[in-house]
Every structure is written in C-alpha cells, then in structure tokens.
Amino acid sequence: MTDCLFCKISRGEIPAKLVYQDADLFAFDDIAPQSPTHILICPRKHLASLDEAVAEDAAPLGRALIVAKQLATDRKLTGGYRLVLNTGSGAGQTVFHLHFHLLGGRAFRWPPG
C-alpha cells in the first residue's frame, strides 16, 4: 500500500527510530509512548489488521512474538511487559497496518482499557 504510514516507515520514506529490522519485520519506538518502553513491531507486508491475515502470514507473525521477547530482554524489562494487538477501531486501532505494541517499564492493570 503506497499511502500507509507504517509502509512508508518500512520503506525508509518517513524517519523512525528503528530498533529491529529483517526481511519480514521491523520495529520502532512509538512517537507517543504510553509507557517507558513502547515499541511497535510490524510485518513489512501490509495487512490492515489481523482480520486480513492468512495461513502464510503465520510464520512472520509468530516470529514477531520472538522479536518482542528479544526486545524486552534487550530493554531489561525484567518486571514484566505487555504485548498488545488491536484489531479494528472499536479496539483502539488507529493505524491500519497490523502492529504489536510492546509496552514495559511500569506496572499495568487488568483489565486494560
């Protein structure tokens, strides 16, 4: 998709503080962090939300979980962290390119939202 904000970040057309990237995934610090650590982990393939994912997306989306674990380790989030995936505007999704929020560095409550 040519006008998607996260696709433009993936292609280097919009600057972002990348903290991870490989052929299928990229991750960057959120510009409006909701916790001391707030990283967005995205597939390079444009999927508006999880509702568009198909079986062949399973490997990169599963690897996103391993990347999240590694980034949490790198950031020393030893007290715990939260990984969030919002699907649809009713769930709080504001950028329609599938992405995980890695949040840490503070205490969280349950239930969220």
N, C-alpha and C. Protein backbone atom coordinates (compact mmCIF):
# COMPACT_ATOMS: atom_id res chain seq x y z
N MET A 1 0.85 -1.18 0.00
CA MET A 1 0.00 0.00 0.00
C MET A 1 0.89 1.24 0.00
N THR A 2 0.61 2.18 -0.85
CA THR A 2 1.52 3.31 -1.03
C THR A 2 1.32 4.43 -0.02
N ASP A 3 0.12 4.62 0.53
CA ASP A 3 -0.11 5.75 1.42
C ASP A 3 -0.15 5.37 2.90
N CYS A 4 0.14 4.16 3.24
CA CYS A 4 0.13 3.70 4.64
C CYS A 4 1.36 4.24 5.38
N LEU A 5 1.12 4.86 6.53
CA LEU A 5 2.19 5.43 7.34
C LEU A 5 3.27 4.40 7.67
N PHE A 6 2.87 3.22 8.13
CA PHE A 6 3.86 2.22 8.52
C PHE A 6 4.56 1.61 7.31
N CYS A 7 3.89 1.50 6.18
CA CYS A 7 4.57 1.05 4.96
C CYS A 7 5.64 2.06 4.56
N LYS A 8 5.34 3.35 4.70
CA LYS A 8 6.33 4.38 4.38
C LYS A 8 7.52 4.30 5.33
N ILE A 9 7.28 4.02 6.60
CA ILE A 9 8.39 3.83 7.55
C ILE A 9 9.21 2.62 7.14
N SER A 10 8.54 1.54 6.78
CA SER A 10 9.23 0.31 6.35
C SER A 10 10.14 0.56 5.16
N ARG A 11 9.70 1.41 4.24
CA ARG A 11 10.48 1.71 3.04
C ARG A 11 11.51 2.82 3.26
N GLY A 12 11.55 3.40 4.44
CA GLY A 12 12.51 4.47 4.74
C GLY A 12 12.08 5.83 4.23
N GLU A 13 10.83 5.98 3.84
CA GLU A 13 10.33 7.25 3.32
C GLU A 13 9.97 8.24 4.44
N ILE A 14 9.69 7.71 5.61
CA ILE A 14 9.42 8.51 6.81
C ILE A 14 10.40 8.05 7.87
N PRO A 15 11.09 8.99 8.52
CA PRO A 15 12.06 8.58 9.54
C PRO A 15 11.38 8.01 10.78
N ALA A 16 12.04 7.06 11.38
CA ALA A 16 11.61 6.47 12.64
C ALA A 16 12.85 5.91 13.33
N LYS A 17 12.78 5.78 14.63
CA LYS A 17 13.90 5.19 15.37
C LYS A 17 13.74 3.67 15.35
N LEU A 18 14.29 3.05 14.30
CA LEU A 18 14.20 1.60 14.17
C LEU A 18 15.04 0.93 15.24
N VAL A 19 14.47 -0.07 15.88
CA VAL A 19 15.19 -0.83 16.90
C VAL A 19 15.39 -2.28 16.47
N TYR A 20 14.73 -2.68 15.37
CA TYR A 20 14.89 -4.03 14.83
C TYR A 20 14.38 -4.00 13.39
N GLN A 21 15.05 -4.78 12.54
CA GLN A 21 14.52 -5.00 11.20
C GLN A 21 15.15 -6.24 10.58
N ASP A 22 14.34 -6.93 9.80
CA ASP A 22 14.82 -8.04 8.98
C ASP A 22 13.97 -8.03 7.71
N ALA A 23 14.03 -9.08 6.93
CA ALA A 23 13.32 -9.09 5.65
C ALA A 23 11.80 -9.02 5.80
N ASP A 24 11.27 -9.52 6.92
CA ASP A 24 9.82 -9.62 7.10
C ASP A 24 9.23 -8.69 8.14
N LEU A 25 10.06 -8.20 9.06
CA LEU A 25 9.57 -7.43 10.20
C LEU A 25 10.41 -6.18 10.43
N PHE A 26 9.82 -5.18 11.04
CA PHE A 26 10.57 -4.02 11.51
C PHE A 26 9.92 -3.54 12.79
N ALA A 27 10.71 -2.90 13.64
CA ALA A 27 10.21 -2.41 14.92
C ALA A 27 10.82 -1.04 15.18
N PHE A 28 10.02 -0.18 15.81
CA PHE A 28 10.50 1.17 16.08
C PHE A 28 9.83 1.71 17.34
N ASP A 29 10.49 2.69 17.96
CA ASP A 29 9.93 3.34 19.14
C ASP A 29 8.70 4.15 18.75
N ASP A 30 7.65 4.02 19.55
CA ASP A 30 6.42 4.79 19.31
C ASP A 30 6.69 6.27 19.58
N ILE A 31 6.14 7.15 18.74
CA ILE A 31 6.37 8.59 18.92
C ILE A 31 5.49 9.19 20.03
N ALA A 32 4.50 8.45 20.49
CA ALA A 32 3.64 8.89 21.60
C ALA A 32 3.57 7.76 22.62
N PRO A 33 4.69 7.49 23.31
CA PRO A 33 4.76 6.31 24.18
C PRO A 33 3.76 6.36 25.33
N GLN A 34 3.19 5.19 25.62
CA GLN A 34 2.25 5.03 26.72
C GLN A 34 2.90 4.38 27.93
N SER A 35 4.20 4.11 27.83
CA SER A 35 4.98 3.55 28.93
C SER A 35 6.45 3.86 28.64
N PRO A 36 7.33 3.70 29.63
CA PRO A 36 8.74 3.99 29.38
C PRO A 36 9.32 3.26 28.16
N THR A 37 8.90 2.01 27.97
CA THR A 37 9.22 1.29 26.73
C THR A 37 7.93 1.11 25.96
N HIS A 38 7.91 1.60 24.73
CA HIS A 38 6.73 1.42 23.86
C HIS A 38 7.27 1.29 22.43
N ILE A 39 7.34 0.04 21.99
CA ILE A 39 7.88 -0.30 20.68
C ILE A 39 6.76 -0.89 19.84
N LEU A 40 6.71 -0.50 18.57
CA LEU A 40 5.76 -1.07 17.62
C LEU A 40 6.49 -2.08 16.75
N ILE A 41 5.94 -3.28 16.65
CA ILE A 41 6.53 -4.37 15.85
C ILE A 41 5.56 -4.66 14.71
N CYS A 42 6.05 -4.55 13.48
CA CYS A 42 5.18 -4.62 12.30
C CYS A 42 5.71 -5.60 11.27
N PRO A 43 4.81 -6.29 10.58
CA PRO A 43 5.25 -7.02 9.40
C PRO A 43 5.47 -6.03 8.26
N ARG A 44 6.41 -6.32 7.39
CA ARG A 44 6.62 -5.46 6.22
C ARG A 44 5.44 -5.59 5.25
N LYS A 45 4.88 -6.79 5.17
CA LYS A 45 3.70 -6.99 4.32
C LYS A 45 2.55 -6.18 4.90
N HIS A 46 1.88 -5.42 4.05
CA HIS A 46 0.75 -4.63 4.53
C HIS A 46 -0.46 -5.53 4.78
N LEU A 47 -0.86 -5.55 6.04
CA LEU A 47 -2.13 -6.16 6.46
C LEU A 47 -2.82 -5.08 7.28
N ALA A 48 -4.02 -4.69 6.92
CA ALA A 48 -4.68 -3.62 7.65
C ALA A 48 -4.90 -4.00 9.11
N SER A 49 -5.18 -5.26 9.36
CA SER A 49 -5.38 -5.75 10.73
C SER A 49 -5.23 -7.26 10.72
N LEU A 50 -5.37 -7.85 11.89
CA LEU A 50 -5.28 -9.31 11.99
C LEU A 50 -6.38 -9.98 11.16
N ASP A 51 -7.48 -9.29 10.96
CA ASP A 51 -8.58 -9.86 10.16
C ASP A 51 -8.16 -10.18 8.73
N GLU A 52 -7.10 -9.56 8.23
CA GLU A 52 -6.63 -9.83 6.86
C GLU A 52 -5.57 -10.93 6.80
N ALA A 53 -5.07 -11.38 7.93
CA ALA A 53 -4.02 -12.39 7.94
C ALA A 53 -4.54 -13.73 7.43
N VAL A 54 -3.66 -14.44 6.72
CA VAL A 54 -3.97 -15.77 6.20
C VAL A 54 -2.87 -16.72 6.65
N ALA A 55 -3.04 -17.98 6.35
CA ALA A 55 -2.13 -19.02 6.84
C ALA A 55 -0.66 -18.72 6.54
N GLU A 56 -0.35 -18.18 5.35
CA GLU A 56 1.06 -17.93 5.03
C GLU A 56 1.66 -16.77 5.84
N ASP A 57 0.83 -16.03 6.54
CA ASP A 57 1.34 -14.96 7.42
C ASP A 57 1.73 -15.48 8.80
N ALA A 58 1.45 -16.75 9.08
CA ALA A 58 1.69 -17.30 10.41
C ALA A 58 3.15 -17.22 10.82
N ALA A 59 4.07 -17.55 9.93
CA ALA A 59 5.50 -17.56 10.30
C ALA A 59 6.00 -16.18 10.69
N PRO A 60 5.82 -15.13 9.87
CA PRO A 60 6.32 -13.83 10.29
C PRO A 60 5.58 -13.28 11.51
N LEU A 61 4.29 -13.53 11.62
CA LEU A 61 3.57 -13.04 12.80
C LEU A 61 4.00 -13.78 14.05
N GLY A 62 4.27 -15.06 13.93
CA GLY A 62 4.80 -15.82 15.07
C GLY A 62 6.20 -15.34 15.45
N ARG A 63 7.02 -15.04 14.45
CA ARG A 63 8.36 -14.52 14.73
C ARG A 63 8.30 -13.17 15.42
N ALA A 64 7.24 -12.40 15.15
CA ALA A 64 7.08 -11.11 15.83
C ALA A 64 7.04 -11.30 17.34
N LEU A 65 6.48 -12.41 17.80
CA LEU A 65 6.45 -12.69 19.24
C LEU A 65 7.85 -12.93 19.78
N ILE A 66 8.67 -13.63 19.02
CA ILE A 66 10.06 -13.88 19.43
C ILE A 66 10.86 -12.58 19.40
N VAL A 67 10.61 -11.73 18.42
CA VAL A 67 11.26 -10.41 18.37
C VAL A 67 10.85 -9.60 19.58
N ALA A 68 9.58 -9.64 19.94
CA ALA A 68 9.11 -8.92 21.13
C ALA A 68 9.84 -9.39 22.38
N LYS A 69 9.99 -10.70 22.52
CA LYS A 69 10.70 -11.25 23.67
C LYS A 69 12.15 -10.76 23.69
N GLN A 70 12.80 -10.75 22.53
CA GLN A 70 14.19 -10.31 22.46
C GLN A 70 14.32 -8.82 22.78
N LEU A 71 13.41 -8.01 22.25
CA LEU A 71 13.44 -6.57 22.55
C LEU A 71 13.18 -6.32 24.04
N ALA A 72 12.28 -7.08 24.63
CA ALA A 72 12.02 -6.95 26.07
C ALA A 72 13.27 -7.31 26.87
N THR A 73 13.98 -8.34 26.44
CA THR A 73 15.23 -8.72 27.10
C THR A 73 16.27 -7.62 26.92
N ASP A 74 16.39 -7.11 25.70
CA ASP A 74 17.36 -6.04 25.42
C ASP A 74 17.09 -4.80 26.26
N ARG A 75 15.82 -4.50 26.49
CA ARG A 75 15.43 -3.31 27.27
C ARG A 75 15.37 -3.59 28.77
N LYS A 76 15.73 -4.82 29.14
CA LYS A 76 15.77 -5.23 30.55
C LYS A 76 14.42 -5.07 31.24
N LEU A 77 13.38 -5.53 30.59
CA LEU A 77 12.03 -5.47 31.15
C LEU A 77 11.78 -6.69 32.04
N THR A 78 12.61 -6.82 33.07
CA THR A 78 12.58 -7.99 33.93
C THR A 78 11.35 -8.04 34.83
N GLY A 79 10.69 -6.91 35.06
CA GLY A 79 9.50 -6.88 35.89
C GLY A 79 8.23 -7.26 35.15
N GLY A 80 8.36 -7.53 33.87
CA GLY A 80 7.21 -7.89 33.05
C GLY A 80 6.99 -6.89 31.94
N TYR A 81 6.20 -7.29 30.99
CA TYR A 81 5.86 -6.44 29.86
C TYR A 81 4.55 -6.91 29.28
N ARG A 82 3.96 -6.06 28.45
CA ARG A 82 2.69 -6.38 27.82
C ARG A 82 2.86 -6.28 26.31
N LEU A 83 2.24 -7.21 25.59
CA LEU A 83 2.22 -7.20 24.13
C LEU A 83 0.75 -7.08 23.71
N VAL A 84 0.43 -6.04 22.94
CA VAL A 84 -0.95 -5.73 22.58
C VAL A 84 -1.09 -5.72 21.06
N LEU A 85 -2.19 -6.28 20.58
CA LEU A 85 -2.55 -6.23 19.16
C LEU A 85 -4.00 -5.77 19.09
N ASN A 86 -4.22 -4.55 18.64
CA ASN A 86 -5.58 -4.03 18.48
C ASN A 86 -6.06 -4.34 17.07
N THR A 87 -7.30 -4.80 16.96
CA THR A 87 -7.88 -5.12 15.66
C THR A 87 -9.20 -4.37 15.51
N GLY A 88 -9.17 -3.34 14.68
CA GLY A 88 -10.36 -2.54 14.43
C GLY A 88 -10.44 -1.31 15.31
N SER A 89 -11.15 -0.31 14.82
CA SER A 89 -11.25 0.96 15.55
C SER A 89 -11.92 0.79 16.90
N GLY A 90 -12.87 -0.12 17.02
CA GLY A 90 -13.53 -0.36 18.30
C GLY A 90 -12.59 -0.90 19.36
N ALA A 91 -11.47 -1.48 18.94
CA ALA A 91 -10.47 -1.99 19.89
C ALA A 91 -9.34 -0.99 20.11
N GLY A 92 -9.43 0.18 19.46
CA GLY A 92 -8.41 1.21 19.64
C GLY A 92 -7.38 1.29 18.53
N GLN A 93 -7.54 0.52 17.46
CA GLN A 93 -6.58 0.60 16.36
C GLN A 93 -6.75 1.92 15.64
N THR A 94 -5.65 2.67 15.51
CA THR A 94 -5.70 3.97 14.83
C THR A 94 -4.88 4.00 13.55
N VAL A 95 -3.88 3.13 13.43
CA VAL A 95 -3.11 2.99 12.20
C VAL A 95 -3.45 1.62 11.64
N PHE A 96 -3.97 1.59 10.43
CA PHE A 96 -4.47 0.34 9.87
C PHE A 96 -3.40 -0.38 9.06
N HIS A 97 -2.36 -0.76 9.79
CA HIS A 97 -1.29 -1.67 9.37
C HIS A 97 -1.04 -2.50 10.61
N LEU A 98 -1.26 -3.79 10.52
CA LEU A 98 -1.13 -4.66 11.68
C LEU A 98 0.17 -4.36 12.43
N HIS A 99 0.07 -4.21 13.74
CA HIS A 99 1.26 -3.98 14.55
C HIS A 99 1.00 -4.39 15.99
N PHE A 100 2.06 -4.84 16.63
CA PHE A 100 2.04 -5.19 18.04
C PHE A 100 2.65 -4.03 18.82
N HIS A 101 2.09 -3.74 19.98
CA HIS A 101 2.66 -2.77 20.90
C HIS A 101 3.38 -3.55 21.99
N LEU A 102 4.68 -3.34 22.12
CA LEU A 102 5.45 -3.88 23.24
C LEU A 102 5.57 -2.76 24.27
N LEU A 103 4.95 -2.98 25.43
CA LEU A 103 4.90 -1.98 26.48
C LEU A 103 5.57 -2.52 27.73
N GLY A 104 6.37 -1.69 28.38
CA GLY A 104 7.02 -2.13 29.62
C GLY A 104 7.63 -0.96 30.36
N GLY A 105 8.16 -1.27 31.53
CA GLY A 105 8.83 -0.26 32.32
C GLY A 105 7.93 0.40 33.35
N ARG A 106 6.70 -0.08 33.49
CA ARG A 106 5.78 0.41 34.52
C ARG A 106 4.79 -0.70 34.83
N ALA A 107 4.06 -0.55 35.92
CA ALA A 107 3.04 -1.53 36.29
C ALA A 107 1.80 -1.33 35.43
N PHE A 108 1.13 -2.42 35.10
CA PHE A 108 -0.10 -2.39 34.32
C PHE A 108 -1.24 -2.95 35.17
N ARG A 109 -2.45 -2.57 34.82
CA ARG A 109 -3.63 -3.09 35.49
C ARG A 109 -4.38 -4.05 34.57
N TRP A 110 -5.25 -4.83 35.19
CA TRP A 110 -6.11 -5.71 34.43
C TRP A 110 -7.53 -5.51 34.90
N PRO A 111 -8.50 -5.43 34.05
CA PRO A 111 -8.38 -5.49 32.60
C PRO A 111 -7.91 -4.16 32.02
N PRO A 112 -7.26 -4.21 30.86
CA PRO A 112 -6.84 -2.97 30.20
C PRO A 112 -8.05 -2.25 29.62
N GLY A 113 -7.85 -0.99 29.30
CA GLY A 113 -8.88 -0.20 28.61
C GLY A 113 -10.03 0.06 29.49
